[in-house]
Amino acid sequence: MASSTVCTLLTPFDLIPPKVYIKFVIYLPLQPSRSAEEVYANLQQGLIRTFQQISLLSGKVHLRPPSSPGWRPGQLEVRHDKVWNPPADLSGIPRQLKKKDISAELDCTYEELKDDGFPFSAFEDELVITAPFVPDVAAGVDVFTAQANFLEGGCLLAGAIHHSVADGTGMMLLMQAWAAHCKAAASSLTSKEIPQLAARLHSGTLDRSVLDKAWSQIPERQHTSEVESKTWHVLGLDPPVEHKYAATQVIDRVTKRLVKKTMQSSIFYMSGTQFAQLKKDTASRDKSLATISANDALLALFWRCLMKARVNAKHAASPSENEEALLQSPVDGRAAFSSNVPRLYLGNVVLVNQIYMPVAALVRPTTTLHDVASCVRESALKINHDSVHDAYTLAREVQDYTALKHAFTSLEGFAMMITSLVALPFEDFDFGDRLFGNQGKPDNLRPLMGGFNRAFRLCVVLPQKAHGGLELLVSLFEDEMGELISDKEFSRYATFLCY
């Protein structure tokens, strides 16, 4: 290992999510007079500056060597340059950013793609980025990789970040940084001249030891033996069992679930007016009860209507009273952890709100969205300072991280995960208007769902638009999707946009 290379040990919370790439595509319109070569060169310069500011992003994720002090199976580290400096010859630099002309494969212009709603069916994930869903960390994998895909009038900027390095908040922060550096490079500004970016990426934001430091300052920490076993569910995990796994099984457990049967993804649109109506319809009538949040309302609508679609497609008769539906909803735990944890801390601080409800009750016509939203809120209140601290205590003391078993959803049964990105600041992305249209703002952002659609029941509430509307990403099998589209309750709040 070169003397300039450092190893950043990933935190216990970083080791909890599935070791997969989070893949996404950002839709960027181009100024009419600008070429793909100019735009690609700007994206290169922006990413170079981002790597110089966040050197960890330029590195690779590896399994930690067994010879390391305090080693435990499944621990990960990022190996990267202490200070990243590009070589004098910038051809092909940085290697993490590729360029591709996709005009022939799509056979349409950017504007035509936009008019169709940026449909998933326009291309396979592999066309716009080649990163595998489950990369081999034993061989070492890039923390971040991207591909700039060009067609007439626009760029589809696809990226993949390893989930062990960042959660949704971290991913958004990194992409905001890249966008800001692209804008600065096009305007011949230095990074120091972007005060907003400097404020967001202060040292605490990038410090991987910040969680341990904050945890060590908790006055009355419980010992692992005192933490209730149900706290594992706050981590989205089943309590560990006493047996050992080979290191490769951390990959195998997910890989074996990539079955041939694949769901399809669709986008539904909820206007600002429909969103306001949903919040009104789910609001608490009794002022003494906990206030139902906008996110609770979205989760309630999603969960009830998607479960109705799945039940109607699966059963000729109603489900039995003893069948339970499970909703898992990731929660940003930064605020609950400690005031000393930056709200834009780069690493993973994802907890899971795990909600149970009898399937029959969830889909029953007499059950209201308010009833479901109240159930979501009641469960969410259990994620607080104490439960987050207890969860970190458990995560720190795991003796074998390869033996963790996700209580994650499968394609069968009555479980699902809904990730809500509604509050993430996508509207703050600004690549600059010298090269990009729409005043430098992307037209849209979409997760790439190919890997998830073969393995997990995952749906996503996408970031809210400036005008108040939002998009709902729904993944279902074909017969289930037909049931959802014909559901009058769901149609009251959301309109089908595209496949």
Protein backbone atom coordinates (compact mmCIF):
# COMPACT_ATOMS: atom_id res chain seq x y z
CA MET A 1 0.00 0.00 0.00
CA ALA A 2 1.43 3.38 -1.03
CA SER A 3 2.46 5.71 1.80
CA SER A 4 -0.01 8.34 0.55
CA THR A 5 -2.90 5.87 0.86
CA VAL A 6 -5.04 5.88 3.99
CA CYS A 7 -7.65 3.41 5.22
CA THR A 8 -10.90 4.78 6.58
CA LEU A 9 -12.70 2.20 8.70
CA LEU A 10 -16.43 2.22 8.04
CA THR A 11 -18.68 2.55 11.09
CA PRO A 12 -20.97 -0.07 12.63
CA PHE A 13 -23.96 1.73 11.08
CA ASP A 14 -22.21 1.58 7.68
CA LEU A 15 -22.08 -2.21 7.97
CA ILE A 16 -25.84 -2.61 8.43
CA PRO A 17 -27.33 -1.88 4.94
CA PRO A 18 -27.11 -4.47 2.14
CA LYS A 19 -23.73 -4.18 0.42
CA VAL A 20 -25.13 -3.02 -2.91
CA TYR A 21 -24.74 -0.06 -5.21
CA ILE A 22 -27.43 2.62 -4.95
CA LYS A 23 -27.88 3.56 -8.60
CA PHE A 24 -29.67 6.59 -9.98
CA VAL A 25 -29.94 8.81 -13.04
CA ILE A 26 -30.15 12.60 -13.19
CA TYR A 27 -31.81 14.09 -16.27
CA LEU A 28 -29.96 17.21 -17.45
CA PRO A 29 -31.05 19.37 -20.40
CA LEU A 30 -28.20 20.98 -22.35
CA GLN A 31 -27.87 24.47 -23.75
CA PRO A 32 -28.50 24.31 -27.52
CA SER A 33 -25.03 25.56 -28.44
CA ARG A 34 -23.10 23.14 -26.22
CA SER A 35 -21.52 19.87 -27.35
CA ALA A 36 -21.28 16.57 -25.50
CA GLU A 37 -17.49 17.00 -25.39
CA GLU A 38 -17.77 20.36 -23.61
CA VAL A 39 -20.25 19.01 -21.10
CA TYR A 40 -18.24 15.86 -20.43
CA ALA A 41 -15.09 17.92 -19.85
CA ASN A 42 -17.00 20.05 -17.35
CA LEU A 43 -18.33 16.96 -15.54
CA GLN A 44 -14.74 15.65 -15.38
CA GLN A 45 -13.45 18.90 -13.90
CA GLY A 46 -16.31 18.99 -11.41
CA LEU A 47 -15.67 15.42 -10.29
CA ILE A 48 -11.92 16.07 -9.99
CA ARG A 49 -12.66 18.98 -7.65
CA THR A 50 -15.14 16.83 -5.71
CA PHE A 51 -12.51 14.10 -5.26
CA GLN A 52 -10.01 16.72 -4.10
CA GLN A 53 -12.48 17.93 -1.50
CA ILE A 54 -13.75 14.46 -0.49
CA SER A 55 -10.85 12.09 -1.15
CA LEU A 56 -12.75 9.12 0.32
CA LEU A 57 -15.12 9.31 -2.64
CA SER A 58 -12.26 8.49 -5.02
CA GLY A 59 -11.29 5.29 -3.18
CA LYS A 60 -12.34 1.67 -3.09
CA VAL A 61 -14.35 -0.36 -0.57
CA HIS A 62 -12.50 -3.45 0.70
CA LEU A 63 -13.00 -6.11 3.32
CA ARG A 64 -10.83 -5.23 6.29
CA PRO A 65 -7.83 -7.61 6.54
CA PRO A 66 -8.02 -10.21 9.36
CA SER A 67 -4.62 -8.98 10.58
CA SER A 68 -6.11 -5.58 11.50
CA PRO A 69 -6.32 -4.70 15.23
CA GLY A 70 -9.73 -5.64 16.65
CA TRP A 71 -10.76 -7.27 13.38
CA ARG A 72 -14.18 -8.85 13.07
CA PRO A 73 -15.58 -10.69 10.03
CA GLY A 74 -17.45 -8.47 7.61
CA GLN A 75 -15.81 -5.20 8.58
CA LEU A 76 -15.17 -2.85 5.66
CA GLU A 77 -12.71 -0.06 4.98
CA VAL A 78 -12.20 2.49 2.24
CA ARG A 79 -8.68 2.76 0.82
CA HIS A 80 -8.04 6.13 -0.74
CA ASP A 81 -5.40 8.82 -1.23
CA LYS A 82 -5.03 11.13 1.74
CA VAL A 83 -5.07 14.02 -0.72
CA TRP A 84 -6.37 13.21 -4.19
CA ASN A 85 -4.46 14.90 -7.00
CA PRO A 86 -5.05 14.15 -10.68
CA PRO A 87 -2.09 13.25 -12.89
CA ALA A 88 -0.78 15.77 -15.41
CA ASP A 89 -2.35 13.81 -18.27
CA LEU A 90 -6.10 14.13 -17.73
CA SER A 91 -7.16 11.78 -20.54
CA GLY A 92 -9.57 9.26 -19.06
CA ILE A 93 -9.40 11.00 -15.68
CA PRO A 94 -11.10 10.37 -13.38
CA ARG A 95 -11.51 6.70 -14.24
CA GLN A 96 -14.80 6.61 -12.32
CA LEU A 97 -16.54 8.75 -14.98
CA LYS A 98 -17.33 7.22 -18.38
CA LYS A 99 -18.90 8.80 -21.46
CA LYS A 100 -21.40 7.18 -23.82
CA ASP A 101 -23.54 8.23 -26.78
CA ILE A 102 -26.93 6.51 -26.39
CA SER A 103 -28.69 8.20 -29.32
CA ALA A 104 -28.85 5.02 -31.39
CA GLU A 105 -30.16 2.85 -28.55
CA LEU A 106 -32.90 5.29 -27.50
CA ASP A 107 -33.80 6.56 -30.96
CA CYS A 108 -35.34 9.73 -29.51
CA THR A 109 -34.34 13.20 -28.39
CA TYR A 110 -34.07 14.39 -24.80
CA GLU A 111 -37.23 16.49 -25.22
CA GLU A 112 -39.16 13.47 -26.50
CA LEU A 113 -37.98 11.46 -23.50
CA LYS A 114 -39.09 14.30 -21.22
CA ASP A 115 -42.50 14.53 -22.90
CA ASP A 116 -43.00 10.81 -22.19
CA GLY A 117 -42.28 11.41 -18.48
CA PHE A 118 -38.75 9.92 -18.48
CA PRO A 119 -40.10 6.34 -18.55
CA PHE A 120 -38.17 3.42 -17.05
CA SER A 121 -39.08 1.34 -20.09
CA ALA A 122 -36.94 3.57 -22.35
CA PHE A 123 -33.74 1.71 -21.43
CA GLU A 124 -32.23 -1.01 -19.26
CA ASP A 125 -30.10 0.07 -16.31
CA GLU A 126 -27.03 -1.50 -17.91
CA LEU A 127 -27.21 0.90 -20.86
CA VAL A 128 -26.58 3.99 -18.73
CA ILE A 129 -24.24 2.49 -16.11
CA THR A 130 -22.42 -0.84 -15.90
CA ALA A 131 -21.95 -1.11 -12.13
CA PRO A 132 -23.22 -4.46 -10.76
CA PHE A 133 -26.02 -4.42 -8.20
CA VAL A 134 -23.98 -6.53 -5.76
CA PRO A 135 -20.28 -5.68 -6.23
CA ASP A 136 -17.52 -7.94 -4.92
CA VAL A 137 -16.03 -6.08 -1.97
CA ALA A 138 -13.57 -8.94 -1.49
CA ALA A 139 -11.90 -7.79 -4.71
CA GLY A 140 -12.29 -4.09 -3.90
CA VAL A 141 -14.93 -1.90 -5.56
CA ASP A 142 -15.15 1.80 -6.34
CA VAL A 143 -16.92 3.91 -3.73
CA PHE A 144 -18.48 5.87 -6.57
CA THR A 145 -18.78 5.40 -10.31
CA ALA A 146 -20.69 7.33 -12.94
CA GLN A 147 -21.48 7.50 -16.64
CA ALA A 148 -22.50 10.54 -18.69
CA ASN A 149 -24.94 9.40 -21.37
CA PHE A 150 -25.63 11.79 -24.23
CA LEU A 151 -28.47 12.10 -26.70
CA GLU A 152 -29.73 15.06 -28.70
CA GLY A 153 -30.51 17.90 -26.31
CA GLY A 154 -29.57 16.30 -23.02
CA CYS A 155 -27.42 14.20 -20.73
CA LEU A 156 -28.53 11.28 -18.58
CA LEU A 157 -25.98 11.41 -15.76
CA ALA A 158 -26.06 8.01 -14.06
CA GLY A 159 -24.26 7.31 -10.81
CA ALA A 160 -23.70 4.45 -8.38
CA ILE A 161 -22.52 4.83 -4.80
CA HIS A 162 -21.79 1.92 -2.50
CA HIS A 163 -24.46 1.80 0.20
CA SER A 164 -21.88 1.03 2.90
CA VAL A 165 -20.38 4.49 2.34
CA ALA A 166 -23.50 6.66 2.21
CA ASP A 167 -27.27 6.61 2.68
CA GLY A 168 -29.76 8.74 0.76
CA THR A 169 -28.78 11.92 2.61
CA GLY A 170 -25.09 11.29 1.92
CA MET A 171 -25.76 10.53 -1.73
CA MET A 172 -27.66 13.80 -2.16
CA LEU A 173 -24.84 15.73 -0.46
CA LEU A 174 -22.22 14.22 -2.76
CA MET A 175 -24.24 14.97 -5.88
CA GLN A 176 -24.84 18.54 -4.71
CA ALA A 177 -21.09 18.92 -4.27
CA TRP A 178 -20.39 17.58 -7.77
CA ALA A 179 -23.01 19.92 -9.25
CA ALA A 180 -21.60 22.94 -7.42
CA HIS A 181 -18.07 22.13 -8.58
CA CYS A 182 -19.28 21.78 -12.18
CA LYS A 183 -20.88 25.22 -11.93
CA ALA A 184 -17.71 26.69 -10.43
CA ALA A 185 -15.47 25.09 -13.07
CA ALA A 186 -17.62 26.51 -15.88
CA SER A 187 -17.40 29.96 -14.26
CA SER A 188 -13.66 29.75 -13.47
CA LEU A 189 -14.35 29.93 -9.73
CA THR A 190 -12.43 28.09 -7.03
CA SER A 191 -14.06 25.85 -4.44
CA LYS A 192 -13.33 28.45 -1.75
CA GLU A 193 -15.56 30.87 -3.63
CA ILE A 194 -18.61 28.64 -3.09
CA PRO A 195 -19.55 29.49 0.54
CA GLN A 196 -22.68 27.32 0.59
CA LEU A 197 -20.70 24.24 -0.45
CA ALA A 198 -17.94 24.96 2.08
CA ALA A 199 -20.51 25.30 4.86
CA ARG A 200 -22.12 21.97 4.02
CA LEU A 201 -18.88 20.04 3.66
CA HIS A 202 -17.14 21.07 6.86
CA SER A 203 -14.83 18.60 8.60
CA GLY A 204 -17.50 17.11 10.86
CA THR A 205 -19.62 16.17 7.87
CA LEU A 206 -16.81 13.97 6.53
CA ASP A 207 -15.47 12.65 9.88
CA ARG A 208 -16.22 8.92 10.18
CA SER A 209 -15.41 8.96 13.90
CA VAL A 210 -18.18 11.42 14.75
CA LEU A 211 -20.70 8.70 15.70
CA ASP A 212 -18.31 6.99 18.13
CA LYS A 213 -17.40 10.36 19.65
CA ALA A 214 -21.05 11.29 20.15
CA TRP A 215 -21.91 7.83 21.49
CA SER A 216 -19.05 7.95 24.03
CA GLN A 217 -20.51 11.16 25.48
CA ILE A 218 -23.88 9.60 26.29
CA PRO A 219 -24.05 9.72 30.13
CA GLU A 220 -26.05 6.54 30.75
CA ARG A 221 -25.36 4.04 28.01
CA GLN A 222 -26.85 0.59 28.35
CA HIS A 223 -24.64 -2.47 28.08
CA THR A 224 -25.39 -4.78 25.16
CA SER A 225 -26.86 -7.36 27.54
CA GLU A 226 -29.37 -4.76 28.78
CA VAL A 227 -30.65 -3.80 25.33
CA GLU A 228 -33.94 -5.46 24.37
CA SER A 229 -33.74 -7.88 21.46
CA LYS A 230 -36.50 -6.00 19.61
CA THR A 231 -34.01 -3.14 19.18
CA TRP A 232 -32.50 -5.18 16.34
CA HIS A 233 -35.63 -4.32 14.37
CA VAL A 234 -34.71 -0.61 14.62
CA LEU A 235 -31.65 -1.59 12.58
CA GLY A 236 -33.84 -3.47 10.10
CA LEU A 237 -32.31 -6.75 11.29
CA ASP A 238 -33.47 -9.98 12.81
CA PRO A 239 -31.65 -10.80 16.07
CA PRO A 240 -28.41 -12.64 15.18
CA VAL A 241 -28.12 -16.40 15.55
CA GLU A 242 -25.17 -18.29 16.89
CA HIS A 243 -23.46 -19.65 13.80
CA LYS A 244 -20.74 -18.53 11.42
CA TYR A 245 -20.89 -17.56 7.78
CA ALA A 246 -18.10 -17.49 5.26
CA ALA A 247 -17.11 -13.98 4.19
CA THR A 248 -18.53 -14.58 0.73
CA GLN A 249 -22.01 -15.14 2.15
CA VAL A 250 -22.38 -11.41 2.77
CA ILE A 251 -22.76 -11.26 -1.02
CA ASP A 252 -24.40 -14.65 -1.54
CA ARG A 253 -27.51 -13.93 0.53
CA VAL A 254 -28.50 -11.07 -1.76
CA THR A 255 -27.24 -12.64 -4.98
CA LYS A 256 -29.36 -15.79 -4.50
CA ARG A 257 -32.48 -13.61 -4.43
CA LEU A 258 -31.86 -12.16 -7.88
CA VAL A 259 -34.44 -14.46 -9.42
CA LYS A 260 -35.67 -14.45 -13.01
CA LYS A 261 -39.12 -13.23 -11.98
CA THR A 262 -38.88 -9.45 -12.18
CA MET A 263 -41.23 -6.65 -11.18
CA GLN A 264 -41.78 -3.57 -13.31
CA SER A 265 -41.44 0.00 -12.10
CA SER A 266 -43.90 2.78 -12.80
CA ILE A 267 -44.17 6.44 -11.88
CA PHE A 268 -47.31 8.00 -10.45
CA TYR A 269 -47.65 11.75 -10.01
CA MET A 270 -49.24 13.46 -7.00
CA SER A 271 -50.00 17.15 -7.50
CA GLY A 272 -49.59 19.70 -4.72
CA THR A 273 -53.39 19.85 -4.45
CA GLN A 274 -53.69 16.07 -4.16
CA PHE A 275 -50.90 16.02 -1.55
CA ALA A 276 -52.70 18.67 0.50
CA GLN A 277 -55.93 16.65 0.29
CA LEU A 278 -54.13 13.50 1.44
CA LYS A 279 -52.70 15.31 4.46
CA LYS A 280 -56.16 16.68 5.28
CA ASP A 281 -57.80 13.25 4.99
CA THR A 282 -55.27 11.58 7.31
CA ALA A 283 -54.98 14.35 9.92
CA SER A 284 -55.76 13.56 13.55
CA ARG A 285 -59.26 14.63 14.57
CA ASP A 286 -58.40 14.37 18.24
CA LYS A 287 -55.93 17.13 19.20
CA SER A 288 -54.72 15.03 22.14
CA LEU A 289 -53.29 12.42 19.75
CA ALA A 290 -49.89 12.54 18.09
CA THR A 291 -49.77 14.73 14.99
CA ILE A 292 -49.68 12.71 11.79
CA SER A 293 -46.90 13.97 9.52
CA ALA A 294 -47.02 14.39 5.75
CA ASN A 295 -44.64 11.45 5.48
CA ASP A 296 -46.97 9.30 7.63
CA ALA A 297 -49.79 10.13 5.22
CA LEU A 298 -47.72 9.15 2.17
CA LEU A 299 -46.65 5.87 3.76
CA ALA A 300 -50.24 5.05 4.73
CA LEU A 301 -51.53 5.60 1.19
CA PHE A 302 -48.68 3.67 -0.37
CA TRP A 303 -48.87 0.74 2.06
CA ARG A 304 -52.64 0.29 2.02
CA CYS A 305 -53.15 0.63 -1.73
CA LEU A 306 -50.14 -1.44 -2.79
CA MET A 307 -51.12 -4.18 -0.37
CA LYS A 308 -54.67 -4.14 -1.76
CA ALA A 309 -53.21 -4.59 -5.25
CA ARG A 310 -51.04 -7.49 -4.11
CA VAL A 311 -53.87 -9.19 -2.23
CA ASN A 312 -56.34 -8.81 -5.09
CA ALA A 313 -53.86 -10.25 -7.57
CA LYS A 314 -52.87 -13.12 -5.28
CA HIS A 315 -56.09 -14.24 -3.60
CA ALA A 316 -59.49 -15.29 -4.89
CA ALA A 317 -60.72 -15.02 -1.28
CA SER A 318 -59.90 -12.55 1.49
CA PRO A 319 -56.68 -13.16 3.48
CA SER A 320 -56.99 -14.93 6.81
CA GLU A 321 -57.08 -12.91 10.01
CA ASN A 322 -53.70 -14.26 11.19
CA GLU A 323 -51.70 -13.03 8.19
CA GLU A 324 -49.67 -9.93 9.03
CA ALA A 325 -48.44 -7.20 6.71
CA LEU A 326 -45.04 -5.67 7.43
CA LEU A 327 -43.95 -2.22 6.33
CA GLN A 328 -40.33 -1.18 6.73
CA SER A 329 -39.61 2.51 6.32
CA PRO A 330 -36.03 3.84 6.64
CA VAL A 331 -35.65 6.83 8.94
CA ASP A 332 -32.80 9.36 9.09
CA GLY A 333 -31.41 8.95 12.61
CA ARG A 334 -28.98 11.89 12.65
CA ALA A 335 -31.13 14.23 14.72
CA ALA A 336 -32.12 11.51 17.19
CA PHE A 337 -28.53 10.32 17.64
CA SER A 338 -26.99 13.53 18.95
CA SER A 339 -26.82 17.27 18.38
CA ASN A 340 -23.09 16.66 17.82
CA VAL A 341 -23.81 14.65 14.65
CA PRO A 342 -23.99 17.02 11.66
CA ARG A 343 -27.36 16.92 9.93
CA LEU A 344 -25.47 16.35 6.67
CA TYR A 345 -23.02 13.75 8.02
CA LEU A 346 -21.89 11.73 5.01
CA GLY A 347 -22.11 8.18 6.41
CA ASN A 348 -25.03 5.88 7.16
CA VAL A 349 -27.36 6.73 10.03
CA VAL A 350 -30.41 4.85 8.80
CA LEU A 351 -32.86 3.31 11.24
CA VAL A 352 -36.00 1.40 10.31
CA ASN A 353 -39.56 2.10 11.35
CA GLN A 354 -41.02 -1.40 11.31
CA ILE A 355 -44.83 -1.44 11.29
CA TYR A 356 -47.14 -4.46 11.54
CA MET A 357 -50.84 -4.64 10.78
CA PRO A 358 -53.11 -7.61 9.99
CA VAL A 359 -53.44 -7.89 6.21
CA ALA A 360 -57.21 -8.25 6.47
CA ALA A 361 -57.48 -5.05 8.51
CA LEU A 362 -55.08 -3.13 6.27
CA VAL A 363 -57.08 -3.80 3.09
CA ARG A 364 -60.58 -3.81 4.63
CA PRO A 365 -62.90 -1.20 3.01
CA THR A 366 -63.92 0.15 6.42
CA THR A 367 -60.29 0.86 7.37
CA THR A 368 -59.46 4.52 6.71
CA LEU A 369 -56.17 6.06 5.64
CA HIS A 370 -56.24 7.90 8.96
CA ASP A 371 -56.30 4.51 10.75
CA VAL A 372 -53.25 3.35 8.80
CA ALA A 373 -51.40 6.65 9.22
CA SER A 374 -52.02 6.50 12.98
CA CYS A 375 -50.43 3.04 13.05
CA VAL A 376 -47.40 4.40 11.17
CA ARG A 377 -47.09 7.36 13.56
CA GLU A 378 -47.40 5.18 16.68
CA SER A 379 -44.52 3.02 15.49
CA ALA A 380 -42.40 6.01 14.42
CA LEU A 381 -42.53 7.42 17.96
CA LYS A 382 -40.53 4.39 19.13
CA ILE A 383 -37.49 5.67 17.24
CA ASN A 384 -36.02 8.22 19.65
CA HIS A 385 -32.75 9.10 21.37
CA ASP A 386 -32.81 6.00 23.57
CA SER A 387 -33.67 3.49 20.85
CA VAL A 388 -31.11 4.98 18.44
CA HIS A 389 -28.39 4.85 21.11
CA ASP A 390 -29.33 1.26 21.94
CA ALA A 391 -29.22 0.36 18.26
CA TYR A 392 -25.71 1.78 17.93
CA THR A 393 -24.67 -0.11 21.06
CA LEU A 394 -25.81 -3.35 19.42
CA ALA A 395 -24.16 -2.50 16.10
CA ARG A 396 -20.82 -1.74 17.79
CA GLU A 397 -20.74 -5.06 19.60
CA VAL A 398 -21.55 -7.36 16.67
CA GLN A 399 -18.87 -10.05 16.59
CA ASP A 400 -19.50 -11.18 13.02
CA TYR A 401 -21.02 -8.72 10.55
CA THR A 402 -21.42 -11.45 7.94
CA ALA A 403 -23.93 -13.21 10.22
CA LEU A 404 -26.43 -10.35 10.29
CA LYS A 405 -29.80 -11.28 8.84
CA HIS A 406 -31.87 -8.49 7.33
CA ALA A 407 -35.54 -8.47 8.17
CA PHE A 408 -35.66 -7.14 4.62
CA THR A 409 -38.49 -7.78 2.29
CA SER A 410 -38.70 -10.56 -0.27
CA LEU A 411 -40.81 -10.83 -3.40
CA GLU A 412 -43.26 -13.19 -1.70
CA GLY A 413 -45.43 -12.73 1.36
CA PHE A 414 -46.92 -9.49 2.70
CA ALA A 415 -43.84 -7.39 3.45
CA MET A 416 -42.51 -4.33 1.69
CA MET A 417 -40.12 -1.43 2.16
CA ILE A 418 -40.99 2.17 1.31
CA THR A 419 -38.14 4.66 1.18
CA SER A 420 -39.28 8.26 1.43
CA LEU A 421 -36.96 10.85 -0.10
CA VAL A 422 -39.67 13.51 -0.08
CA ALA A 423 -37.69 15.94 2.11
CA LEU A 424 -34.31 15.59 0.38
CA PRO A 425 -33.17 18.83 -1.28
CA PHE A 426 -33.06 17.77 -4.94
CA GLU A 427 -34.16 21.27 -5.97
CA ASP A 428 -30.83 22.57 -4.62
CA PHE A 429 -28.84 20.77 -7.33
CA ASP A 430 -27.27 23.44 -9.56
CA PHE A 431 -24.85 22.49 -12.34
CA GLY A 432 -24.75 26.06 -13.69
CA ASP A 433 -26.45 27.52 -16.74
CA ARG A 434 -23.45 28.01 -19.01
CA LEU A 435 -23.64 24.43 -20.28
CA PHE A 436 -26.93 23.15 -18.90
CA GLY A 437 -30.49 24.22 -19.59
CA ASN A 438 -33.28 24.86 -17.05
CA GLN A 439 -30.96 27.35 -15.26
CA GLY A 440 -28.58 24.51 -14.44
CA LYS A 441 -31.24 22.52 -12.56
CA PRO A 442 -31.92 18.85 -13.44
CA ASP A 443 -35.36 18.04 -14.82
CA ASN A 444 -35.61 14.91 -12.72
CA LEU A 445 -33.90 12.26 -10.63
CA ARG A 446 -34.82 8.59 -10.66
CA PRO A 447 -33.41 5.57 -8.83
CA LEU A 448 -32.42 2.72 -11.14
CA MET A 449 -34.48 -0.24 -9.95
CA GLY A 450 -33.28 -3.21 -12.02
CA GLY A 451 -31.43 -4.96 -9.20
CA PHE A 452 -34.06 -4.23 -6.56
CA ASN A 453 -36.91 -5.42 -8.79
CA ARG A 454 -35.38 -8.91 -8.88
CA ALA A 455 -34.78 -9.12 -5.14
CA PHE A 456 -36.83 -6.83 -2.89
CA ARG A 457 -40.28 -5.28 -2.53
CA LEU A 458 -39.05 -1.68 -2.57
CA CYS A 459 -40.96 1.47 -3.50
CA VAL A 460 -39.79 5.09 -3.30
CA VAL A 461 -41.38 8.46 -2.63
CA LEU A 462 -39.23 10.82 -4.71
CA PRO A 463 -38.15 14.33 -3.61
CA GLN A 464 -40.86 16.96 -3.61
CA LYS A 465 -40.85 19.44 -6.50
CA ALA A 466 -40.62 23.20 -5.98
CA HIS A 467 -44.27 23.53 -7.04
CA GLY A 468 -45.37 21.11 -4.32
CA GLY A 469 -46.03 18.00 -6.39
CA LEU A 470 -44.11 14.75 -6.12
CA GLU A 471 -43.59 11.43 -7.88
CA LEU A 472 -44.20 7.96 -6.48
CA LEU A 473 -42.03 5.12 -7.78
CA VAL A 474 -43.97 1.87 -7.61
CA SER A 475 -42.57 -1.60 -8.34
CA LEU A 476 -45.10 -4.42 -8.78
CA PHE A 477 -45.71 -7.45 -10.95
CA GLU A 478 -47.87 -6.87 -14.02
CA ASP A 479 -51.14 -8.19 -12.58
CA GLU A 480 -50.60 -6.25 -9.35
CA MET A 481 -49.89 -3.04 -11.28
CA GLY A 482 -53.20 -3.43 -13.10
CA GLU A 483 -55.01 -3.67 -9.77
CA LEU A 484 -53.30 -0.51 -8.48
CA ILE A 485 -54.08 1.53 -11.60
CA SER A 486 -57.77 0.62 -11.29
CA ASP A 487 -57.90 1.39 -7.53
CA LYS A 488 -60.23 4.38 -7.08
CA GLU A 489 -58.80 5.23 -3.65
CA PHE A 490 -55.25 5.47 -5.00
CA SER A 491 -56.41 7.33 -8.13
CA ARG A 492 -57.93 10.01 -5.95
CA TYR A 493 -54.45 11.06 -4.85
CA ALA A 494 -52.10 9.96 -7.65
CA THR A 495 -52.17 9.75 -11.45
CA PHE A 496 -50.33 7.16 -13.52
CA LEU A 497 -47.50 8.86 -15.43
CA CYS A 498 -45.35 6.24 -17.16
CA TYR A 499 -43.79 2.77 -17.03
